[in-house]
Amino acid sequence: MSEDLASVWKTVVNVLTKHLIEHNATVARQIDMAMDQLITAGSTEEFQQIGIIMRDAWIEFSQSIFRKEFLPNGVNSISSADAKRLLQYSLDRVKSNTEYLIKMSKTAFDLCNKVEHDLNVTQEMALECIISSVMCMGLVLKTLINNDLLISRPYYRCPNCGSLKLETREHWEPDIEGAFRVDKLTCTECGWFYIEEMGGMSGVGEDT
């Protein structure tokens, strides 16, 4: 890829990842890494590596937008690596029709897997993998934000056990006047908790 063309595509990706950086810096870094890999790649293995990076970015992204309450009735759990279902369950909560966005996002994810395993992968396929993924992620973010389904959370994965099963629970903290209410982010798997309003207090123990 020529330097001029590389600069153009790098600029495009930077523009598309502007909101991603604010939401999830890890995903933004993975995309940036994939773009740097694309610019210098010259072999099949190097192009395949881009598919791996972008697949991992999708998994990280889908975990960050998903909340346990998005699980449909009758479904009690979901694999944290099942990016397509995490995306679908998140977008299914949107009141407007998201059928095409779900299909596009799943197709973009599938392309990452194809790039990873295709022995005839080309630079153009790898570029399409990056661009389609970034565009879909941006649209998913915009859709969730517009429908008040994307909340700012200090954690979306339990730092103690890695579970996605985090719930915000009501917690009453005693003081000299009785007690005051705070939100307690709690892992339903291991009992880890985090209370932002108490200086970011965290620990592992029974919920109260």
C-alpha atoms as a PDB file:
ATOM      1  CA  MET A   1       0.000   0.000   0.000  1.00  0.00           C
ATOM      2  CA  SER A   2       1.430   3.381  -1.003  1.00  0.00           C
ATOM      3  CA  GLU A   3       2.129   5.975   1.683  1.00  0.00           C
ATOM      4  CA  ASP A   4      -0.504   8.353   0.280  1.00  0.00           C
ATOM      5  CA  LEU A   5      -3.212   5.689   0.211  1.00  0.00           C
ATOM      6  CA  ALA A   6      -2.233   4.466   3.651  1.00  0.00           C
ATOM      7  CA  SER A   7      -2.533   8.014   4.996  1.00  0.00           C
ATOM      8  CA  VAL A   8      -6.018   8.385   3.494  1.00  0.00           C
ATOM      9  CA  TRP A   9      -7.342   5.155   4.991  1.00  0.00           C
ATOM     10  CA  LYS A  10      -5.672   5.861   8.321  1.00  0.00           C
ATOM     11  CA  THR A  11      -7.480   9.211   8.441  1.00  0.00           C
ATOM     12  CA  VAL A  12     -10.804   7.569   7.581  1.00  0.00           C
ATOM     13  CA  VAL A  13     -10.404   4.998  10.346  1.00  0.00           C
ATOM     14  CA  ASN A  14      -9.398   7.680  12.863  1.00  0.00           C
ATOM     15  CA  VAL A  15     -12.560   9.651  12.068  1.00  0.00           C
ATOM     16  CA  LEU A  16     -14.751   6.556  12.375  1.00  0.00           C
ATOM     17  CA  THR A  17     -13.228   5.562  15.714  1.00  0.00           C
ATOM     18  CA  LYS A  18     -13.686   8.977  17.344  1.00  0.00           C
ATOM     19  CA  HIS A  19     -16.702   7.887  19.398  1.00  0.00           C
ATOM     20  CA  LEU A  20     -15.277   4.415  19.967  1.00  0.00           C
ATOM     21  CA  ILE A  21     -12.314   5.951  21.773  1.00  0.00           C
ATOM     22  CA  GLU A  22     -14.696   7.655  24.204  1.00  0.00           C
ATOM     23  CA  HIS A  23     -16.636   4.442  24.793  1.00  0.00           C
ATOM     24  CA  ASN A  24     -13.903   1.810  24.818  1.00  0.00           C
ATOM     25  CA  ALA A  25     -10.258   2.782  24.407  1.00  0.00           C
ATOM     26  CA  THR A  26      -9.217  -0.875  24.194  1.00  0.00           C
ATOM     27  CA  VAL A  27     -11.307  -1.443  21.064  1.00  0.00           C
ATOM     28  CA  ALA A  28      -9.966   1.763  19.530  1.00  0.00           C
ATOM     29  CA  ARG A  29      -6.390   0.606  20.162  1.00  0.00           C
ATOM     30  CA  GLN A  30      -7.114  -2.788  18.600  1.00  0.00           C
ATOM     31  CA  ILE A  31      -8.485  -1.115  15.478  1.00  0.00           C
ATOM     32  CA  ASP A  32      -5.463   1.163  15.313  1.00  0.00           C
ATOM     33  CA  MET A  33      -3.210  -1.882  15.650  1.00  0.00           C
ATOM     34  CA  ALA A  34      -5.039  -3.626  12.798  1.00  0.00           C
ATOM     35  CA  MET A  35      -4.637  -0.564  10.591  1.00  0.00           C
ATOM     36  CA  ASP A  36      -0.903  -0.350  11.322  1.00  0.00           C
ATOM     37  CA  GLN A  37      -0.622  -4.056  10.510  1.00  0.00           C
ATOM     38  CA  LEU A  38      -2.439  -3.516   7.201  1.00  0.00           C
ATOM     39  CA  ILE A  39      -0.086  -0.740   6.124  1.00  0.00           C
ATOM     40  CA  THR A  40       3.023  -2.881   6.599  1.00  0.00           C
ATOM     41  CA  ALA A  41       1.633  -6.360   5.842  1.00  0.00           C
ATOM     42  CA  GLY A  42       2.931  -8.209   2.809  1.00  0.00           C
ATOM     43  CA  SER A  43       2.249 -11.889   3.466  1.00  0.00           C
ATOM     44  CA  THR A  44      -0.813 -14.089   3.905  1.00  0.00           C
ATOM     45  CA  GLU A  45      -0.006 -14.645   7.567  1.00  0.00           C
ATOM     46  CA  GLU A  46       0.255 -10.910   8.203  1.00  0.00           C
ATOM     47  CA  PHE A  47      -3.115 -10.255   6.547  1.00  0.00           C
ATOM     48  CA  GLN A  48      -4.668 -13.120   8.536  1.00  0.00           C
ATOM     49  CA  GLN A  49      -3.426 -11.521  11.734  1.00  0.00           C
ATOM     50  CA  ILE A  50      -5.660  -8.538  10.956  1.00  0.00           C
ATOM     51  CA  GLY A  51      -8.683 -10.841  11.058  1.00  0.00           C
ATOM     52  CA  ILE A  52      -7.640 -12.073  14.499  1.00  0.00           C
ATOM     53  CA  ILE A  53      -7.167  -8.541  15.834  1.00  0.00           C
ATOM     54  CA  MET A  54     -10.542  -7.366  14.514  1.00  0.00           C
ATOM     55  CA  ARG A  55     -12.345 -10.477  15.753  1.00  0.00           C
ATOM     56  CA  ASP A  56     -10.984  -9.795  19.236  1.00  0.00           C
ATOM     57  CA  ALA A  57     -12.041  -6.153  18.900  1.00  0.00           C
ATOM     58  CA  TRP A  58     -15.604  -7.284  18.130  1.00  0.00           C
ATOM     59  CA  ILE A  59     -15.661  -9.537  21.204  1.00  0.00           C
ATOM     60  CA  GLU A  60     -14.376  -6.734  23.430  1.00  0.00           C
ATOM     61  CA  PHE A  61     -16.859  -4.271  21.898  1.00  0.00           C
ATOM     62  CA  SER A  62     -19.875  -6.570  22.229  1.00  0.00           C
ATOM     63  CA  GLN A  63     -19.038  -7.282  25.874  1.00  0.00           C
ATOM     64  CA  SER A  64     -18.851  -3.565  26.634  1.00  0.00           C
ATOM     65  CA  ILE A  65     -22.344  -2.772  25.301  1.00  0.00           C
ATOM     66  CA  PHE A  66     -24.108  -5.816  26.732  1.00  0.00           C
ATOM     67  CA  ARG A  67     -25.934  -5.855  30.074  1.00  0.00           C
ATOM     68  CA  LYS A  68     -27.346  -8.876  31.861  1.00  0.00           C
ATOM     69  CA  GLU A  69     -30.866  -7.463  31.679  1.00  0.00           C
ATOM     70  CA  PHE A  70     -30.658  -7.676  27.871  1.00  0.00           C
ATOM     71  CA  LEU A  71     -30.958 -11.466  28.062  1.00  0.00           C
ATOM     72  CA  PRO A  72     -34.316 -12.536  26.578  1.00  0.00           C
ATOM     73  CA  ASN A  73     -36.826 -14.545  28.597  1.00  0.00           C
ATOM     74  CA  GLY A  74     -35.761 -18.149  28.926  1.00  0.00           C
ATOM     75  CA  VAL A  75     -32.058 -17.429  28.407  1.00  0.00           C
ATOM     76  CA  ASN A  76     -30.093 -17.493  31.645  1.00  0.00           C
ATOM     77  CA  SER A  77     -26.533 -17.163  30.413  1.00  0.00           C
ATOM     78  CA  ILE A  78     -24.395 -16.439  27.381  1.00  0.00           C
ATOM     79  CA  SER A  79     -20.754 -17.012  26.532  1.00  0.00           C
ATOM     80  CA  SER A  80     -18.666 -13.873  26.908  1.00  0.00           C
ATOM     81  CA  ALA A  81     -16.988 -14.756  23.582  1.00  0.00           C
ATOM     82  CA  ASP A  82     -20.274 -15.036  21.641  1.00  0.00           C
ATOM     83  CA  ALA A  83     -20.013 -11.598  20.044  1.00  0.00           C
ATOM     84  CA  LYS A  84     -22.889 -12.068  17.612  1.00  0.00           C
ATOM     85  CA  ARG A  85     -25.423 -13.012  20.279  1.00  0.00           C
ATOM     86  CA  LEU A  86     -24.213 -10.283  22.637  1.00  0.00           C
ATOM     87  CA  LEU A  87     -24.734  -7.782  19.809  1.00  0.00           C
ATOM     88  CA  GLN A  88     -28.137  -9.135  18.867  1.00  0.00           C
ATOM     89  CA  TYR A  89     -29.465  -9.190  22.425  1.00  0.00           C
ATOM     90  CA  SER A  90     -28.259  -5.606  22.924  1.00  0.00           C
ATOM     91  CA  LEU A  91     -29.820  -4.334  19.697  1.00  0.00           C
ATOM     92  CA  ASP A  92     -33.037  -6.297  20.227  1.00  0.00           C
ATOM     93  CA  ARG A  93     -33.790  -3.908  23.089  1.00  0.00           C
ATOM     94  CA  VAL A  94     -33.982  -0.975  20.683  1.00  0.00           C
ATOM     95  CA  LYS A  95     -37.560   0.067  19.951  1.00  0.00           C
ATOM     96  CA  SER A  96     -36.934   0.802  16.278  1.00  0.00           C
ATOM     97  CA  ASN A  97     -36.136  -1.875  13.675  1.00  0.00           C
ATOM     98  CA  THR A  98     -32.497  -2.938  13.908  1.00  0.00           C
ATOM     99  CA  GLU A  99     -32.740  -6.029  11.713  1.00  0.00           C
ATOM    100  CA  TYR A 100     -30.416  -4.700   9.005  1.00  0.00           C
ATOM    101  CA  LEU A 101     -27.892  -3.321  11.491  1.00  0.00           C
ATOM    102  CA  ILE A 102     -27.766  -6.703  13.224  1.00  0.00           C
ATOM    103  CA  LYS A 103     -27.241  -8.447   9.866  1.00  0.00           C
ATOM    104  CA  MET A 104     -24.523  -5.990   8.819  1.00  0.00           C
ATOM    105  CA  SER A 105     -22.708  -6.346  12.127  1.00  0.00           C
ATOM    106  CA  LYS A 106     -22.816 -10.131  12.011  1.00  0.00           C
ATOM    107  CA  THR A 107     -21.546 -10.070   8.419  1.00  0.00           C
ATOM    108  CA  ALA A 108     -18.679  -7.793   9.440  1.00  0.00           C
ATOM    109  CA  PHE A 109     -17.793 -10.172  12.275  1.00  0.00           C
ATOM    110  CA  ASP A 110     -17.934 -13.165   9.934  1.00  0.00           C
ATOM    111  CA  LEU A 111     -15.573 -11.366   7.555  1.00  0.00           C
ATOM    112  CA  CYS A 112     -13.033 -11.111  10.385  1.00  0.00           C
ATOM    113  CA  ASN A 113     -13.146 -14.892  10.751  1.00  0.00           C
ATOM    114  CA  LYS A 114     -12.837 -15.323   6.979  1.00  0.00           C
ATOM    115  CA  VAL A 115      -9.800 -13.052   6.813  1.00  0.00           C
ATOM    116  CA  GLU A 116      -8.228 -15.000   9.685  1.00  0.00           C
ATOM    117  CA  HIS A 117      -8.569 -18.377   7.943  1.00  0.00           C
ATOM    118  CA  ASP A 118      -8.539 -17.610   4.196  1.00  0.00           C
ATOM    119  CA  LEU A 119      -5.277 -18.792   2.634  1.00  0.00           C
ATOM    120  CA  ASN A 120      -5.947 -16.474  -0.324  1.00  0.00           C
ATOM    121  CA  VAL A 121      -6.655 -13.381   1.754  1.00  0.00           C
ATOM    122  CA  THR A 122      -5.719 -10.092   0.101  1.00  0.00           C
ATOM    123  CA  GLN A 123      -4.940  -6.603   1.318  1.00  0.00           C
ATOM    124  CA  GLU A 124      -8.308  -5.430  -0.016  1.00  0.00           C
ATOM    125  CA  MET A 125     -10.155  -8.084   2.034  1.00  0.00           C
ATOM    126  CA  ALA A 126      -8.277  -7.086   5.162  1.00  0.00           C
ATOM    127  CA  LEU A 127      -9.094  -3.411   4.564  1.00  0.00           C
ATOM    128  CA  GLU A 128     -12.769  -4.265   4.041  1.00  0.00           C
ATOM    129  CA  CYS A 129     -12.660  -6.203   7.303  1.00  0.00           C
ATOM    130  CA  ILE A 130     -11.444  -3.146   9.222  1.00  0.00           C
ATOM    131  CA  ILE A 131     -13.686  -0.548   7.547  1.00  0.00           C
ATOM    132  CA  SER A 132     -16.901  -2.607   7.723  1.00  0.00           C
ATOM    133  CA  SER A 133     -16.285  -3.451  11.378  1.00  0.00           C
ATOM    134  CA  VAL A 134     -15.564   0.135  12.386  1.00  0.00           C
ATOM    135  CA  MET A 135     -18.619   1.462  10.550  1.00  0.00           C
ATOM    136  CA  CYS A 136     -20.912  -1.121  12.139  1.00  0.00           C
ATOM    137  CA  MET A 137     -19.515  -0.529  15.615  1.00  0.00           C
ATOM    138  CA  GLY A 138     -20.090   3.197  15.178  1.00  0.00           C
ATOM    139  CA  LEU A 139     -23.685   2.646  14.056  1.00  0.00           C
ATOM    140  CA  VAL A 140     -24.338   0.280  16.948  1.00  0.00           C
ATOM    141  CA  LEU A 141     -23.018   2.855  19.430  1.00  0.00           C
ATOM    142  CA  LYS A 142     -25.108   5.645  17.897  1.00  0.00           C
ATOM    143  CA  THR A 143     -28.238   3.470  17.946  1.00  0.00           C
ATOM    144  CA  LEU A 144     -27.809   2.476  21.594  1.00  0.00           C
ATOM    145  CA  ILE A 145     -27.016   6.040  22.665  1.00  0.00           C
ATOM    146  CA  ASN A 146     -30.082   7.407  20.848  1.00  0.00           C
ATOM    147  CA  ASN A 147     -32.257   4.856  22.647  1.00  0.00           C
ATOM    148  CA  ASP A 148     -30.712   5.483  26.095  1.00  0.00           C
ATOM    149  CA  LEU A 149     -29.407   1.919  26.214  1.00  0.00           C
ATOM    150  CA  LEU A 150     -25.722   2.738  26.505  1.00  0.00           C
ATOM    151  CA  ILE A 151     -24.813   3.695  30.026  1.00  0.00           C
ATOM    152  CA  SER A 152     -21.482   4.850  31.349  1.00  0.00           C
ATOM    153  CA  ARG A 153     -20.082   2.168  33.633  1.00  0.00           C
ATOM    154  CA  PRO A 154     -16.700   2.000  35.354  1.00  0.00           C
ATOM    155  CA  TYR A 155     -16.723  -1.780  34.747  1.00  0.00           C
ATOM    156  CA  TYR A 156     -18.617  -4.016  32.349  1.00  0.00           C
ATOM    157  CA  ARG A 157     -16.628  -7.151  33.227  1.00  0.00           C
ATOM    158  CA  CYS A 158     -15.887  -8.269  36.789  1.00  0.00           C
ATOM    159  CA  PRO A 159     -12.195  -7.586  37.469  1.00  0.00           C
ATOM    160  CA  ASN A 160     -12.178 -10.392  40.032  1.00  0.00           C
ATOM    161  CA  CYS A 161     -13.591 -13.333  38.036  1.00  0.00           C
ATOM    162  CA  GLY A 162     -14.127 -11.972  34.527  1.00  0.00           C
ATOM    163  CA  SER A 163     -17.905 -12.483  34.529  1.00  0.00           C
ATOM    164  CA  LEU A 164     -20.225 -10.191  32.566  1.00  0.00           C
ATOM    165  CA  LYS A 165     -22.964 -10.708  35.151  1.00  0.00           C
ATOM    166  CA  LEU A 166     -22.766  -7.324  36.841  1.00  0.00           C
ATOM    167  CA  GLU A 167     -25.857  -5.778  38.392  1.00  0.00           C
ATOM    168  CA  THR A 168     -26.454  -2.372  39.935  1.00  0.00           C
ATOM    169  CA  ARG A 169     -28.148  -2.912  43.280  1.00  0.00           C
ATOM    170  CA  GLU A 170     -29.523  -0.609  45.939  1.00  0.00           C
ATOM    171  CA  HIS A 171     -27.273  -0.386  48.974  1.00  0.00           C
ATOM    172  CA  TRP A 172     -27.872   1.483  52.218  1.00  0.00           C
ATOM    173  CA  GLU A 173     -24.766   2.700  54.019  1.00  0.00           C
ATOM    174  CA  PRO A 174     -25.192   3.574  57.728  1.00  0.00           C
ATOM    175  CA  ASP A 175     -24.142   6.988  59.004  1.00  0.00           C
ATOM    176  CA  ILE A 176     -24.788   9.134  62.070  1.00  0.00           C
ATOM    177  CA  GLU A 177     -28.176  10.226  60.711  1.00  0.00           C
ATOM    178  CA  GLY A 178     -29.346   6.731  59.882  1.00  0.00           C
ATOM    179  CA  ALA A 179     -28.366   5.552  56.390  1.00  0.00           C
ATOM    180  CA  PHE A 180     -27.971   6.848  52.863  1.00  0.00           C
ATOM    181  CA  ARG A 181     -28.633   5.093  49.564  1.00  0.00           C
ATOM    182  CA  VAL A 182     -25.900   4.373  46.999  1.00  0.00           C
ATOM    183  CA  ASP A 183     -25.663   2.271  43.846  1.00  0.00           C
ATOM    184  CA  LYS A 184     -23.604  -0.878  44.358  1.00  0.00           C
ATOM    185  CA  LEU A 185     -22.245  -2.554  41.214  1.00  0.00           C
ATOM    186  CA  THR A 186     -22.202  -6.246  42.109  1.00  0.00           C
ATOM    187  CA  CYS A 187     -20.984  -9.409  40.377  1.00  0.00           C
ATOM    188  CA  THR A 188     -23.595 -12.132  40.761  1.00  0.00           C
ATOM    189  CA  GLU A 189     -20.944 -14.806  40.183  1.00  0.00           C
ATOM    190  CA  CYS A 190     -18.298 -14.085  42.828  1.00  0.00           C
ATOM    191  CA  GLY A 191     -19.722 -11.301  44.999  1.00  0.00           C
ATOM    192  CA  TRP A 192     -17.249  -8.602  43.956  1.00  0.00           C
ATOM    193  CA  PHE A 193     -18.676  -5.105  44.401  1.00  0.00           C
ATOM    194  CA  TYR A 194     -17.862  -1.500  43.533  1.00  0.00           C
ATOM    195  CA  ILE A 195     -19.395   1.679  44.977  1.00  0.00           C
ATOM    196  CA  GLU A 196     -18.519   4.814  42.998  1.00  0.00           C
ATOM    197  CA  GLU A 197     -20.140   7.179  45.501  1.00  0.00           C
ATOM    198  CA  MET A 198     -17.919   5.932  48.301  1.00  0.00           C
ATOM    199  CA  GLY A 199     -14.636   6.818  46.688  1.00  0.00           C
ATOM    200  CA  GLY A 200     -14.609   3.820  44.385  1.00  0.00           C
ATOM    201  CA  MET A 201     -14.713   1.351  47.265  1.00  0.00           C
ATOM    202  CA  SER A 202     -14.534  -2.253  46.085  1.00  0.00           C
ATOM    203  CA  GLY A 203     -14.097  -5.726  47.499  1.00  0.00           C
ATOM    204  CA  VAL A 204     -15.488  -9.245  47.534  1.00  0.00           C
ATOM    205  CA  GLY A 205     -18.239 -10.204  49.939  1.00  0.00           C
ATOM    206  CA  GLU A 206     -21.924 -10.855  50.379  1.00  0.00           C
ATOM    207  CA  ASP A 207     -24.278  -8.242  48.983  1.00  0.00           C
ATOM    208  CA  THR A 208     -26.184  -6.210  51.548  1.00  0.00           C
END
